């Protein structure tokens, strides 16, 4: 997985064809986004640090702007 921008992560999360789940363990929170049961992106929040990751082909799953 590689780092992506927040706007790209939000675009993946807001896509109605994708599912997401959140998990919290102490100071660490992880939000995972799935497309057809394939993990395509995740957001990791640890204390005040927020990182967004996605698979290499994540642009194939972005919503097309009209």
C-alpha atoms as a PDB file:
ATOM      1  CA  UNK A   1       0.000   0.000   0.000  1.00  0.00           C
ATOM      2  CA  UNK A   2       1.104   3.550  -0.643  1.00  0.00           C
ATOM      3  CA  UNK A   3       0.231   6.946   0.815  1.00  0.00           C
ATOM      4  CA  UNK A   4      -2.623   8.871  -0.804  1.00  0.00           C
ATOM      5  CA  UNK A   5      -4.294  12.241  -0.238  1.00  0.00           C
ATOM      6  CA  UNK A   6      -7.289  12.716   2.044  1.00  0.00           C
ATOM      7  CA  UNK A   7      -9.519  13.835  -0.853  1.00  0.00           C
ATOM      8  CA  UNK A   8      -8.804  10.583  -2.708  1.00  0.00           C
ATOM      9  CA  UNK A   9      -9.596   8.554   0.420  1.00  0.00           C
ATOM     10  CA  UNK A  10     -12.886  10.457   0.880  1.00  0.00           C
ATOM     11  CA  UNK A  11     -13.753   9.810  -2.757  1.00  0.00           C
ATOM     12  CA  UNK A  12     -13.252   6.069  -2.212  1.00  0.00           C
ATOM     13  CA  UNK A  13     -15.227   6.117   1.041  1.00  0.00           C
ATOM     14  CA  UNK A  14     -18.187   8.001  -0.417  1.00  0.00           C
ATOM     15  CA  UNK A  15     -18.525   5.675  -3.414  1.00  0.00           C
ATOM     16  CA  UNK A  16     -21.837   3.775  -2.920  1.00  0.00           C
ATOM     17  CA  UNK A  17     -20.288   0.622  -4.438  1.00  0.00           C
ATOM     18  CA  UNK A  18     -17.736   0.343  -1.614  1.00  0.00           C
ATOM     19  CA  UNK A  19     -18.143  -0.850   1.966  1.00  0.00           C
ATOM     20  CA  UNK A  20     -16.131   0.373   4.923  1.00  0.00           C
ATOM     21  CA  UNK A  21     -15.570  -0.636   8.523  1.00  0.00           C
ATOM     22  CA  UNK A  22     -13.950   1.090  11.482  1.00  0.00           C
ATOM     23  CA  UNK A  23     -11.990  -0.463  14.341  1.00  0.00           C
ATOM     24  CA  UNK A  24     -10.616   1.244  17.432  1.00  0.00           C
ATOM     25  CA  UNK A  25      -7.985  -0.100  19.818  1.00  0.00           C
ATOM     26  CA  UNK A  26      -6.878   2.410  22.428  1.00  0.00           C
ATOM     27  CA  UNK A  27      -5.274   5.435  20.748  1.00  0.00           C
ATOM     28  CA  UNK A  28      -5.278   3.782  17.322  1.00  0.00           C
ATOM     29  CA  UNK A  29      -8.231   3.808  14.906  1.00  0.00           C
ATOM     30  CA  UNK A  30      -8.332   2.108  11.503  1.00  0.00           C
ATOM     31  CA  UNK A  31     -10.955   2.637   8.803  1.00  0.00           C
ATOM     32  CA  UNK A  32     -10.828   0.083   5.962  1.00  0.00           C
ATOM     33  CA  UNK A  33     -12.529   0.419   2.571  1.00  0.00           C
ATOM     34  CA  UNK A  34     -13.466  -2.658   0.564  1.00  0.00           C
ATOM     35  CA  UNK A  35     -14.548  -3.125  -3.056  1.00  0.00           C
ATOM     36  CA  UNK A  36     -15.981  -6.596  -3.714  1.00  0.00           C
ATOM     37  CA  UNK A  37     -14.319  -7.909  -0.519  1.00  0.00           C
ATOM     38  CA  UNK A  38     -10.926  -6.580  -1.676  1.00  0.00           C
ATOM     39  CA  UNK A  39      -9.196  -4.153   0.688  1.00  0.00           C
ATOM     40  CA  UNK A  40      -8.450  -1.081  -1.431  1.00  0.00           C
ATOM     41  CA  UNK A  41      -7.719   1.642   1.149  1.00  0.00           C
ATOM     42  CA  UNK A  42      -7.317   2.360   4.840  1.00  0.00           C
ATOM     43  CA  UNK A  43      -7.013   5.330   7.168  1.00  0.00           C
ATOM     44  CA  UNK A  44      -4.810   4.963  10.236  1.00  0.00           C
ATOM     45  CA  UNK A  45      -5.231   7.451  13.084  1.00  0.00           C
ATOM     46  CA  UNK A  46      -2.718   7.125  15.908  1.00  0.00           C
ATOM     47  CA  UNK A  47      -2.915   9.858  18.542  1.00  0.00           C
ATOM     48  CA  UNK A  48      -2.701  13.055  16.416  1.00  0.00           C
ATOM     49  CA  UNK A  49      -1.231  11.442  13.289  1.00  0.00           C
ATOM     50  CA  UNK A  50      -3.523  10.566  10.363  1.00  0.00           C
ATOM     51  CA  UNK A  51      -2.274   8.563   7.373  1.00  0.00           C
ATOM     52  CA  UNK A  52      -4.185   7.426   4.282  1.00  0.00           C
ATOM     53  CA  UNK A  53      -3.089   4.346   2.333  1.00  0.00           C
ATOM     54  CA  UNK A  54      -4.356   2.598  -0.797  1.00  0.00           C
ATOM     55  CA  UNK A  55      -3.396  -0.179  -3.163  1.00  0.00           C
ATOM     56  CA  UNK A  56      -1.431   0.709  -6.304  1.00  0.00           C
ATOM     57  CA  UNK A  57      -4.525   0.434  -8.543  1.00  0.00           C
ATOM     58  CA  UNK A  58      -6.737   2.638  -6.331  1.00  0.00           C
ATOM     59  CA  UNK A  59      -7.353   5.136  -9.165  1.00  0.00           C
ATOM     60  CA  UNK A  60      -9.430   2.458 -10.908  1.00  0.00           C
ATOM     61  CA  UNK A  61     -11.916   2.706  -8.000  1.00  0.00           C
ATOM     62  CA  UNK A  62     -12.255   6.517  -7.838  1.00  0.00           C
ATOM     63  CA  UNK A  63     -15.574   8.174  -8.705  1.00  0.00           C
ATOM     64  CA  UNK A  64     -15.447   9.867 -12.092  1.00  0.00           C
ATOM     65  CA  UNK A  65     -16.092  13.618 -11.852  1.00  0.00           C
ATOM     66  CA  UNK A  66     -18.748  14.976 -14.204  1.00  0.00           C
END
